[in-house]
């Protein structure tokens, strides 16, 4: 198993991983039309290719026996929430693992990689948004020491309203 930073040559692979993992995670939470529209808008090859060119946008892919099993996307970003905006923070924008690898602790490996990346690059905190009804993810983040900021953010999938809770973890050096 190994993790490596994605390059623009990985845009198609990330497009495929994103579409499959997002669909598997959120199917049944919105209409099929909203799901398809969201995937086409945010997980198309052109969009991901452009994100891969941003020096402050980091995609990392985890491979098991040369098969991509999942990925993370972390990005240096700012927000108006006081406890986030006053520190050097990085956002965990995505952490997705193909469902056939869910029992192999791939998500935990990716999360530890993100935390190590934050430490190595001098970040003071890691923050993220998570759907308020994704209890599996909320429990996962809690195990890693993330706490709820109390801030909620709309995250609609097409015309289906959804809300994310914003979580934060201070980085210990």
N, C-alpha and C. Protein backbone atom coordinates (compact mmCIF):
# COMPACT_ATOMS: atom_id res chain seq x y z
N UNK A 1 0.83 -1.17 0.00
CA UNK A 1 0.00 0.00 0.00
C UNK A 1 0.89 1.24 0.00
N UNK A 2 0.47 2.25 -0.77
CA UNK A 2 1.18 3.52 -0.74
C UNK A 2 0.23 4.67 -1.08
N UNK A 3 0.63 5.86 -0.63
CA UNK A 3 -0.14 7.08 -0.89
C UNK A 3 0.78 8.01 -1.65
N UNK A 4 0.25 8.62 -2.70
CA UNK A 4 1.04 9.59 -3.44
C UNK A 4 0.17 10.77 -3.85
N UNK A 5 0.86 11.90 -4.05
CA UNK A 5 0.14 13.09 -4.49
C UNK A 5 -0.30 12.89 -5.93
N UNK A 6 -1.52 13.28 -6.21
CA UNK A 6 -2.06 13.17 -7.56
C UNK A 6 -1.48 14.27 -8.44
N UNK A 7 -1.38 13.96 -9.71
CA UNK A 7 -0.93 14.92 -10.73
C UNK A 7 -2.08 15.15 -11.70
N UNK A 8 -1.89 16.08 -12.62
CA UNK A 8 -2.93 16.33 -13.63
C UNK A 8 -3.22 15.08 -14.45
N UNK A 9 -2.25 14.17 -14.55
CA UNK A 9 -2.47 12.91 -15.25
C UNK A 9 -3.45 11.98 -14.54
N UNK A 10 -3.76 12.31 -13.28
CA UNK A 10 -4.72 11.51 -12.50
C UNK A 10 -6.14 12.06 -12.54
N UNK A 11 -6.38 13.09 -13.32
CA UNK A 11 -7.69 13.74 -13.33
C UNK A 11 -8.82 12.75 -13.65
N UNK A 12 -8.61 11.91 -14.65
CA UNK A 12 -9.66 10.96 -15.02
C UNK A 12 -9.90 9.95 -13.90
N UNK A 13 -8.83 9.42 -13.31
CA UNK A 13 -8.96 8.47 -12.21
C UNK A 13 -9.71 9.12 -11.04
N UNK A 14 -9.35 10.34 -10.69
CA UNK A 14 -10.02 11.03 -9.58
C UNK A 14 -11.48 11.32 -9.91
N UNK A 15 -11.76 11.62 -11.15
CA UNK A 15 -13.13 11.84 -11.60
C UNK A 15 -13.95 10.57 -11.36
N UNK A 16 -13.42 9.44 -11.73
CA UNK A 16 -14.10 8.16 -11.55
C UNK A 16 -14.26 7.81 -10.07
N UNK A 17 -13.17 7.93 -9.29
CA UNK A 17 -13.23 7.65 -7.85
C UNK A 17 -14.26 8.55 -7.17
N UNK A 18 -14.25 9.82 -7.53
CA UNK A 18 -15.16 10.79 -6.92
C UNK A 18 -16.62 10.44 -7.21
N UNK A 19 -16.92 10.16 -8.45
CA UNK A 19 -18.30 9.87 -8.83
C UNK A 19 -18.81 8.62 -8.10
N UNK A 20 -18.02 7.57 -8.08
CA UNK A 20 -18.44 6.31 -7.45
C UNK A 20 -18.60 6.46 -5.94
N UNK A 21 -17.60 7.05 -5.30
CA UNK A 21 -17.64 7.14 -3.84
C UNK A 21 -18.69 8.13 -3.36
N UNK A 22 -18.87 9.24 -4.08
CA UNK A 22 -19.90 10.20 -3.69
C UNK A 22 -21.28 9.57 -3.85
N UNK A 23 -21.49 8.89 -4.97
CA UNK A 23 -22.78 8.23 -5.19
C UNK A 23 -23.05 7.19 -4.10
N UNK A 24 -22.06 6.36 -3.79
CA UNK A 24 -22.24 5.33 -2.77
C UNK A 24 -22.53 5.93 -1.40
N UNK A 25 -21.93 7.07 -1.11
CA UNK A 25 -22.11 7.71 0.19
C UNK A 25 -23.46 8.40 0.31
N UNK A 26 -23.92 9.03 -0.76
CA UNK A 26 -25.11 9.88 -0.65
C UNK A 26 -26.33 9.40 -1.43
N UNK A 27 -26.26 8.21 -2.02
CA UNK A 27 -27.44 7.71 -2.74
C UNK A 27 -28.61 7.60 -1.76
N UNK A 28 -29.77 7.96 -2.24
CA UNK A 28 -30.96 7.92 -1.40
C UNK A 28 -31.19 9.17 -0.56
N UNK A 29 -30.24 10.11 -0.59
CA UNK A 29 -30.42 11.34 0.19
C UNK A 29 -30.94 12.49 -0.67
N UNK A 30 -31.04 12.25 -1.97
CA UNK A 30 -31.53 13.26 -2.90
C UNK A 30 -32.11 12.54 -4.11
N UNK A 31 -32.67 13.28 -5.02
CA UNK A 31 -33.23 12.66 -6.22
C UNK A 31 -32.09 12.18 -7.12
N UNK A 32 -32.39 11.23 -7.97
CA UNK A 32 -31.39 10.73 -8.92
C UNK A 32 -30.90 11.87 -9.83
N UNK A 33 -31.83 12.74 -10.21
CA UNK A 33 -31.48 13.87 -11.08
C UNK A 33 -30.51 14.82 -10.37
N UNK A 34 -30.80 15.14 -9.10
CA UNK A 34 -29.90 16.00 -8.34
C UNK A 34 -28.52 15.37 -8.19
N UNK A 35 -28.50 14.08 -7.93
CA UNK A 35 -27.23 13.37 -7.77
C UNK A 35 -26.42 13.45 -9.06
N UNK A 36 -27.04 13.13 -10.17
CA UNK A 36 -26.34 13.14 -11.45
C UNK A 36 -25.82 14.53 -11.78
N UNK A 37 -26.65 15.55 -11.55
CA UNK A 37 -26.25 16.93 -11.82
C UNK A 37 -25.05 17.34 -10.96
N UNK A 38 -25.06 16.97 -9.68
CA UNK A 38 -23.97 17.30 -8.77
C UNK A 38 -22.67 16.64 -9.24
N UNK A 39 -22.75 15.35 -9.55
CA UNK A 39 -21.56 14.62 -10.00
C UNK A 39 -21.01 15.23 -11.28
N UNK A 40 -21.88 15.55 -12.22
CA UNK A 40 -21.43 16.15 -13.48
C UNK A 40 -20.79 17.52 -13.27
N UNK A 41 -21.31 18.29 -12.31
CA UNK A 41 -20.79 19.63 -12.07
C UNK A 41 -19.46 19.63 -11.33
N UNK A 42 -19.32 18.81 -10.29
CA UNK A 42 -18.15 18.88 -9.42
C UNK A 42 -17.10 17.80 -9.65
N UNK A 43 -17.47 16.72 -10.30
CA UNK A 43 -16.54 15.61 -10.46
C UNK A 43 -16.23 15.33 -11.92
N UNK A 44 -16.31 16.36 -12.74
CA UNK A 44 -15.95 16.17 -14.14
C UNK A 44 -14.44 16.34 -14.30
N UNK A 45 -13.92 15.78 -15.35
CA UNK A 45 -12.47 15.75 -15.55
C UNK A 45 -11.86 17.15 -15.66
N UNK A 46 -12.54 18.06 -16.33
CA UNK A 46 -12.03 19.44 -16.48
C UNK A 46 -11.93 20.12 -15.12
N UNK A 47 -12.96 19.99 -14.29
CA UNK A 47 -12.97 20.61 -12.96
C UNK A 47 -11.82 20.07 -12.11
N UNK A 48 -11.68 18.77 -12.08
CA UNK A 48 -10.63 18.16 -11.25
C UNK A 48 -9.25 18.50 -11.81
N UNK A 49 -9.11 18.53 -13.11
CA UNK A 49 -7.83 18.91 -13.72
C UNK A 49 -7.42 20.31 -13.27
N UNK A 50 -8.37 21.24 -13.28
CA UNK A 50 -8.09 22.62 -12.84
C UNK A 50 -7.71 22.66 -11.36
N UNK A 51 -8.39 21.88 -10.53
CA UNK A 51 -8.07 21.84 -9.11
C UNK A 51 -6.66 21.29 -8.89
N UNK A 52 -6.27 20.31 -9.68
CA UNK A 52 -4.95 19.72 -9.56
C UNK A 52 -3.82 20.69 -9.93
N UNK A 53 -4.15 21.75 -10.65
CA UNK A 53 -3.15 22.75 -11.02
C UNK A 53 -2.95 23.81 -9.94
N UNK A 54 -3.85 23.87 -8.96
CA UNK A 54 -3.76 24.85 -7.88
C UNK A 54 -2.71 24.39 -6.87
N UNK A 55 -1.66 25.19 -6.63
CA UNK A 55 -0.59 24.75 -5.72
C UNK A 55 -1.04 24.61 -4.26
N UNK A 56 -2.22 25.15 -3.91
CA UNK A 56 -2.71 25.05 -2.53
C UNK A 56 -3.84 24.02 -2.39
N UNK A 57 -4.04 23.24 -3.44
CA UNK A 57 -5.08 22.22 -3.48
C UNK A 57 -4.37 20.87 -3.65
N UNK A 58 -4.48 20.01 -2.63
CA UNK A 58 -3.70 18.78 -2.61
C UNK A 58 -4.61 17.55 -2.67
N UNK A 59 -4.45 16.76 -3.70
CA UNK A 59 -5.12 15.47 -3.81
C UNK A 59 -4.07 14.40 -3.55
N UNK A 60 -4.42 13.42 -2.74
CA UNK A 60 -3.56 12.26 -2.51
C UNK A 60 -4.40 11.00 -2.71
N UNK A 61 -3.84 10.06 -3.45
CA UNK A 61 -4.53 8.80 -3.76
C UNK A 61 -3.84 7.67 -3.01
N UNK A 62 -4.64 6.78 -2.43
CA UNK A 62 -4.09 5.61 -1.76
C UNK A 62 -4.29 4.39 -2.66
N UNK A 63 -3.22 3.63 -2.80
CA UNK A 63 -3.23 2.44 -3.66
C UNK A 63 -2.96 1.20 -2.83
N UNK A 64 -3.69 0.14 -3.12
CA UNK A 64 -3.43 -1.18 -2.56
C UNK A 64 -3.15 -2.09 -3.74
N UNK A 65 -1.96 -2.65 -3.74
CA UNK A 65 -1.55 -3.52 -4.85
C UNK A 65 -1.83 -2.87 -6.20
N UNK A 66 -1.44 -1.64 -6.34
CA UNK A 66 -1.57 -0.86 -7.57
C UNK A 66 -3.01 -0.53 -7.97
N UNK A 67 -3.97 -0.77 -7.09
CA UNK A 67 -5.36 -0.40 -7.36
C UNK A 67 -5.71 0.79 -6.47
N UNK A 68 -6.27 1.84 -7.07
CA UNK A 68 -6.68 3.00 -6.29
C UNK A 68 -7.85 2.59 -5.40
N UNK A 69 -7.72 2.85 -4.10
CA UNK A 69 -8.75 2.46 -3.13
C UNK A 69 -9.51 3.66 -2.57
N UNK A 70 -8.95 4.85 -2.72
CA UNK A 70 -9.59 6.05 -2.20
C UNK A 70 -8.67 7.24 -2.34
N UNK A 71 -9.13 8.37 -1.81
CA UNK A 71 -8.33 9.58 -1.91
C UNK A 71 -8.76 10.60 -0.87
N UNK A 72 -7.90 11.58 -0.68
CA UNK A 72 -8.25 12.75 0.10
C UNK A 72 -7.95 13.99 -0.74
N UNK A 73 -8.68 15.03 -0.41
CA UNK A 73 -8.41 16.35 -0.99
C UNK A 73 -8.32 17.31 0.18
N UNK A 74 -7.19 17.96 0.33
CA UNK A 74 -7.01 18.97 1.37
C UNK A 74 -6.56 20.26 0.69
N UNK A 75 -7.09 21.37 1.20
CA UNK A 75 -6.82 22.64 0.55
C UNK A 75 -6.63 23.73 1.58
N UNK A 76 -5.59 24.52 1.36
CA UNK A 76 -5.39 25.68 2.20
C UNK A 76 -6.54 26.64 1.89
N UNK A 77 -7.30 26.97 2.92
CA UNK A 77 -8.52 27.74 2.68
C UNK A 77 -8.85 28.56 3.92
N UNK A 78 -9.65 29.58 3.74
CA UNK A 78 -10.06 30.46 4.84
C UNK A 78 -11.58 30.45 4.96
N UNK A 79 -12.05 30.82 6.15
CA UNK A 79 -13.47 30.96 6.39
C UNK A 79 -13.65 32.06 7.43
N UNK A 80 -14.87 32.50 7.61
CA UNK A 80 -15.15 33.59 8.55
C UNK A 80 -15.33 33.14 9.99
N UNK A 81 -15.29 31.84 10.25
CA UNK A 81 -15.46 31.36 11.62
C UNK A 81 -14.21 31.72 12.41
N UNK A 82 -14.40 32.45 13.52
CA UNK A 82 -13.28 32.98 14.29
C UNK A 82 -12.22 31.95 14.62
N UNK A 83 -12.63 30.79 15.14
CA UNK A 83 -11.62 29.82 15.58
C UNK A 83 -10.86 29.20 14.42
N UNK A 84 -11.34 29.40 13.20
CA UNK A 84 -10.64 28.90 12.02
C UNK A 84 -9.85 30.02 11.36
N UNK A 85 -10.47 31.19 11.20
CA UNK A 85 -9.82 32.26 10.44
C UNK A 85 -8.60 32.85 11.13
N UNK A 86 -8.50 32.69 12.42
CA UNK A 86 -7.37 33.26 13.15
C UNK A 86 -6.18 32.31 13.27
N UNK A 87 -6.22 31.20 12.58
CA UNK A 87 -5.13 30.23 12.62
C UNK A 87 -4.76 29.82 11.19
N UNK A 88 -3.56 29.30 11.03
CA UNK A 88 -3.17 28.76 9.73
C UNK A 88 -3.84 27.40 9.61
N UNK A 89 -4.88 27.35 8.79
CA UNK A 89 -5.66 26.12 8.69
C UNK A 89 -5.68 25.55 7.30
N UNK A 90 -6.00 24.29 7.27
CA UNK A 90 -6.17 23.58 6.00
C UNK A 90 -7.47 22.79 6.11
N UNK A 91 -8.24 22.80 5.02
CA UNK A 91 -9.54 22.13 5.02
C UNK A 91 -9.43 20.73 4.41
N UNK A 92 -10.00 19.77 5.09
CA UNK A 92 -10.15 18.44 4.53
C UNK A 92 -11.43 18.49 3.71
N UNK A 93 -11.29 18.67 2.43
CA UNK A 93 -12.45 18.86 1.56
C UNK A 93 -13.12 17.53 1.21
N UNK A 94 -12.31 16.48 1.07
CA UNK A 94 -12.87 15.16 0.74
C UNK A 94 -12.00 14.07 1.32
N UNK A 95 -12.66 13.04 1.79
CA UNK A 95 -11.99 11.80 2.16
C UNK A 95 -12.95 10.69 1.76
N UNK A 96 -12.60 9.96 0.72
CA UNK A 96 -13.49 8.94 0.18
C UNK A 96 -12.72 7.65 -0.08
N UNK A 97 -13.37 6.55 0.25
CA UNK A 97 -12.80 5.22 0.06
C UNK A 97 -13.84 4.38 -0.67
N UNK A 98 -13.39 3.63 -1.67
CA UNK A 98 -14.31 2.72 -2.37
C UNK A 98 -14.87 1.72 -1.37
N UNK A 99 -16.16 1.41 -1.49
CA UNK A 99 -16.84 0.59 -0.47
C UNK A 99 -16.22 -0.79 -0.30
N UNK A 100 -15.62 -1.35 -1.34
CA UNK A 100 -15.01 -2.67 -1.19
C UNK A 100 -13.77 -2.65 -0.28
N UNK A 101 -13.28 -1.46 0.06
CA UNK A 101 -12.12 -1.33 0.94
C UNK A 101 -12.49 -0.79 2.33
N UNK A 102 -13.77 -0.63 2.61
CA UNK A 102 -14.18 -0.03 3.88
C UNK A 102 -13.70 -0.79 5.11
N UNK A 103 -13.54 -2.05 5.05
CA UNK A 103 -13.14 -2.83 6.23
C UNK A 103 -11.61 -2.90 6.40
N UNK A 104 -10.87 -2.20 5.57
CA UNK A 104 -9.41 -2.31 5.58
C UNK A 104 -8.70 -1.12 6.23
N UNK A 105 -9.44 -0.26 6.93
CA UNK A 105 -8.87 0.90 7.65
C UNK A 105 -8.21 1.92 6.73
N UNK A 106 -8.66 1.96 5.48
CA UNK A 106 -8.11 2.90 4.50
C UNK A 106 -8.44 4.34 4.90
N UNK A 107 -9.67 4.57 5.36
CA UNK A 107 -10.06 5.91 5.80
C UNK A 107 -9.17 6.41 6.93
N UNK A 108 -8.87 5.54 7.89
CA UNK A 108 -8.00 5.91 9.01
C UNK A 108 -6.59 6.24 8.51
N UNK A 109 -6.11 5.47 7.54
CA UNK A 109 -4.78 5.75 6.98
C UNK A 109 -4.76 7.11 6.27
N UNK A 110 -5.82 7.39 5.52
CA UNK A 110 -5.89 8.68 4.83
C UNK A 110 -6.00 9.83 5.83
N UNK A 111 -6.77 9.63 6.89
CA UNK A 111 -6.91 10.70 7.89
C UNK A 111 -5.57 10.94 8.58
N UNK A 112 -4.87 9.89 8.94
CA UNK A 112 -3.57 10.06 9.57
C UNK A 112 -2.60 10.76 8.63
N UNK A 113 -2.69 10.43 7.35
CA UNK A 113 -1.86 11.08 6.35
C UNK A 113 -2.16 12.59 6.32
N UNK A 114 -3.44 12.95 6.35
CA UNK A 114 -3.83 14.37 6.34
C UNK A 114 -3.31 15.08 7.58
N UNK A 115 -3.42 14.43 8.73
CA UNK A 115 -2.93 15.04 9.98
C UNK A 115 -1.41 15.20 9.94
N UNK A 116 -0.71 14.20 9.45
CA UNK A 116 0.75 14.28 9.32
C UNK A 116 1.14 15.40 8.34
N UNK A 117 0.41 15.50 7.26
CA UNK A 117 0.65 16.55 6.27
C UNK A 117 0.50 17.93 6.92
N UNK A 118 -0.54 18.08 7.73
CA UNK A 118 -0.78 19.36 8.42
C UNK A 118 0.38 19.70 9.35
N UNK A 119 0.85 18.72 10.10
CA UNK A 119 1.97 18.95 11.02
C UNK A 119 3.22 19.34 10.23
N UNK A 120 3.55 18.54 9.22
CA UNK A 120 4.77 18.75 8.43
C UNK A 120 4.79 20.09 7.71
N UNK A 121 3.61 20.65 7.43
CA UNK A 121 3.52 21.90 6.68
C UNK A 121 3.15 23.10 7.55
N UNK A 122 3.22 22.92 8.87
CA UNK A 122 3.05 24.03 9.78
C UNK A 122 1.63 24.55 9.96
N UNK A 123 0.64 23.72 9.67
CA UNK A 123 -0.74 24.14 9.89
C UNK A 123 -1.10 24.01 11.36
N UNK A 124 -1.96 24.90 11.83
CA UNK A 124 -2.38 24.90 13.23
C UNK A 124 -3.68 24.14 13.45
N UNK A 125 -4.44 23.95 12.38
CA UNK A 125 -5.68 23.19 12.52
C UNK A 125 -6.11 22.61 11.20
N UNK A 126 -6.90 21.56 11.31
CA UNK A 126 -7.53 20.91 10.16
C UNK A 126 -9.02 21.03 10.39
N UNK A 127 -9.75 21.46 9.38
CA UNK A 127 -11.19 21.62 9.53
C UNK A 127 -11.91 20.98 8.35
N UNK A 128 -13.20 20.73 8.54
CA UNK A 128 -13.97 20.05 7.51
C UNK A 128 -15.46 20.29 7.72
N UNK A 129 -16.21 20.04 6.67
CA UNK A 129 -17.66 20.03 6.73
C UNK A 129 -18.14 18.61 6.53
N UNK A 130 -19.13 18.20 7.32
CA UNK A 130 -19.67 16.84 7.21
C UNK A 130 -21.19 16.92 7.32
N UNK A 131 -21.87 16.16 6.48
CA UNK A 131 -23.33 16.16 6.47
C UNK A 131 -23.84 15.79 7.85
N UNK A 132 -24.76 16.57 8.36
CA UNK A 132 -25.25 16.41 9.73
C UNK A 132 -25.87 15.04 10.00
N UNK A 133 -26.31 14.34 8.97
CA UNK A 133 -26.93 13.02 9.15
C UNK A 133 -26.00 11.85 8.81
N UNK A 134 -24.75 12.15 8.54
CA UNK A 134 -23.79 11.09 8.23
C UNK A 134 -23.13 10.67 9.55
N UNK A 135 -23.84 9.88 10.31
CA UNK A 135 -23.39 9.50 11.65
C UNK A 135 -22.12 8.66 11.63
N UNK A 136 -21.96 7.85 10.61
CA UNK A 136 -20.74 7.06 10.49
C UNK A 136 -19.52 7.98 10.36
N UNK A 137 -19.63 9.00 9.51
CA UNK A 137 -18.52 9.94 9.34
C UNK A 137 -18.33 10.79 10.60
N UNK A 138 -19.40 11.23 11.21
CA UNK A 138 -19.29 12.03 12.44
C UNK A 138 -18.55 11.25 13.53
N UNK A 139 -18.87 9.97 13.66
CA UNK A 139 -18.17 9.13 14.65
C UNK A 139 -16.70 8.93 14.28
N UNK A 140 -16.44 8.76 13.01
CA UNK A 140 -15.07 8.61 12.51
C UNK A 140 -14.24 9.83 12.89
N UNK A 141 -14.76 11.02 12.62
CA UNK A 141 -14.02 12.25 12.90
C UNK A 141 -13.84 12.44 14.41
N UNK A 142 -14.83 12.07 15.17
CA UNK A 142 -14.74 12.20 16.63
C UNK A 142 -13.59 11.34 17.16
N UNK A 143 -13.41 10.15 16.60
CA UNK A 143 -12.31 9.28 17.02
C UNK A 143 -10.95 9.92 16.79
N UNK A 144 -10.87 10.81 15.82
CA UNK A 144 -9.62 11.50 15.52
C UNK A 144 -9.50 12.84 16.24
N UNK A 145 -10.43 13.12 17.15
CA UNK A 145 -10.32 14.33 17.96
C UNK A 145 -10.93 15.58 17.37
N UNK A 146 -11.73 15.45 16.33
CA UNK A 146 -12.42 16.62 15.79
C UNK A 146 -13.58 16.98 16.70
N UNK A 147 -13.84 18.27 16.81
CA UNK A 147 -14.99 18.72 17.59
C UNK A 147 -15.84 19.64 16.74
N UNK A 148 -17.11 19.66 17.05
CA UNK A 148 -18.09 20.47 16.32
C UNK A 148 -17.92 21.93 16.70
N UNK A 149 -17.82 22.80 15.71
CA UNK A 149 -17.70 24.24 15.97
C UNK A 149 -19.05 24.86 16.31
N UNK A 150 -20.14 24.14 16.02
CA UNK A 150 -21.47 24.71 16.19
C UNK A 150 -21.95 25.44 14.94
N UNK A 151 -21.05 25.63 13.98
CA UNK A 151 -21.41 26.31 12.74
C UNK A 151 -21.99 25.30 11.77
N UNK A 152 -23.10 25.67 11.15
CA UNK A 152 -23.73 24.83 10.13
C UNK A 152 -23.68 25.57 8.80
N UNK A 153 -23.52 24.81 7.75
CA UNK A 153 -23.35 25.39 6.42
C UNK A 153 -24.25 24.65 5.43
N UNK A 154 -25.02 25.39 4.62
CA UNK A 154 -25.84 24.70 3.61
C UNK A 154 -24.95 24.02 2.57
N UNK A 155 -25.29 22.79 2.25
CA UNK A 155 -24.56 22.03 1.24
C UNK A 155 -25.59 21.25 0.41
N UNK A 156 -26.34 21.98 -0.42
CA UNK A 156 -27.37 21.30 -1.20
C UNK A 156 -26.77 20.40 -2.28
N UNK A 157 -27.45 19.31 -2.54
CA UNK A 157 -27.12 18.47 -3.68
C UNK A 157 -28.22 18.76 -4.69
N UNK A 158 -27.89 19.58 -5.68
CA UNK A 158 -28.91 20.03 -6.62
C UNK A 158 -29.97 20.84 -5.89
N UNK A 159 -31.23 20.43 -6.04
CA UNK A 159 -32.34 21.10 -5.38
C UNK A 159 -32.67 20.50 -4.02
N UNK A 160 -31.89 19.52 -3.59
CA UNK A 160 -32.13 18.87 -2.31
C UNK A 160 -31.32 19.58 -1.23
N UNK A 161 -31.99 20.25 -0.30
CA UNK A 161 -31.24 20.93 0.76
C UNK A 161 -30.59 19.94 1.71
N UNK A 162 -29.35 20.21 2.05
CA UNK A 162 -28.63 19.45 3.07
C UNK A 162 -27.77 20.43 3.85
N UNK A 163 -27.39 20.04 5.05
CA UNK A 163 -26.61 20.91 5.92
C UNK A 163 -25.38 20.17 6.42
N UNK A 164 -24.25 20.87 6.38
CA UNK A 164 -23.01 20.33 6.92
C UNK A 164 -22.71 20.97 8.27
N UNK A 165 -22.19 20.17 9.17
CA UNK A 165 -21.62 20.68 10.42
C UNK A 165 -20.14 20.88 10.16
N UNK A 166 -19.60 21.97 10.67
CA UNK A 166 -18.17 22.20 10.52
C UNK A 166 -17.45 21.75 11.75
N UNK A 167 -16.46 20.90 11.56
CA UNK A 167 -15.66 20.34 12.63
C UNK A 167 -14.24 20.86 12.54
N UNK A 168 -13.54 20.86 13.67
CA UNK A 168 -12.18 21.37 13.70
C UNK A 168 -11.32 20.50 14.62
N UNK A 169 -10.05 20.39 14.26
CA UNK A 169 -9.09 19.70 15.11
C UNK A 169 -7.83 20.55 15.16
N UNK A 170 -7.43 20.93 16.37
CA UNK A 170 -6.17 21.64 16.53
C UNK A 170 -5.02 20.66 16.31
N UNK A 171 -4.00 21.12 15.63
CA UNK A 171 -2.85 20.27 15.32
C UNK A 171 -1.83 20.38 16.44
N UNK A 172 -1.47 19.24 16.98
CA UNK A 172 -0.46 19.19 18.04
C UNK A 172 0.89 18.95 17.39
N UNK A 173 1.83 19.81 17.76
CA UNK A 173 3.17 19.71 17.14
C UNK A 173 4.14 19.00 18.02
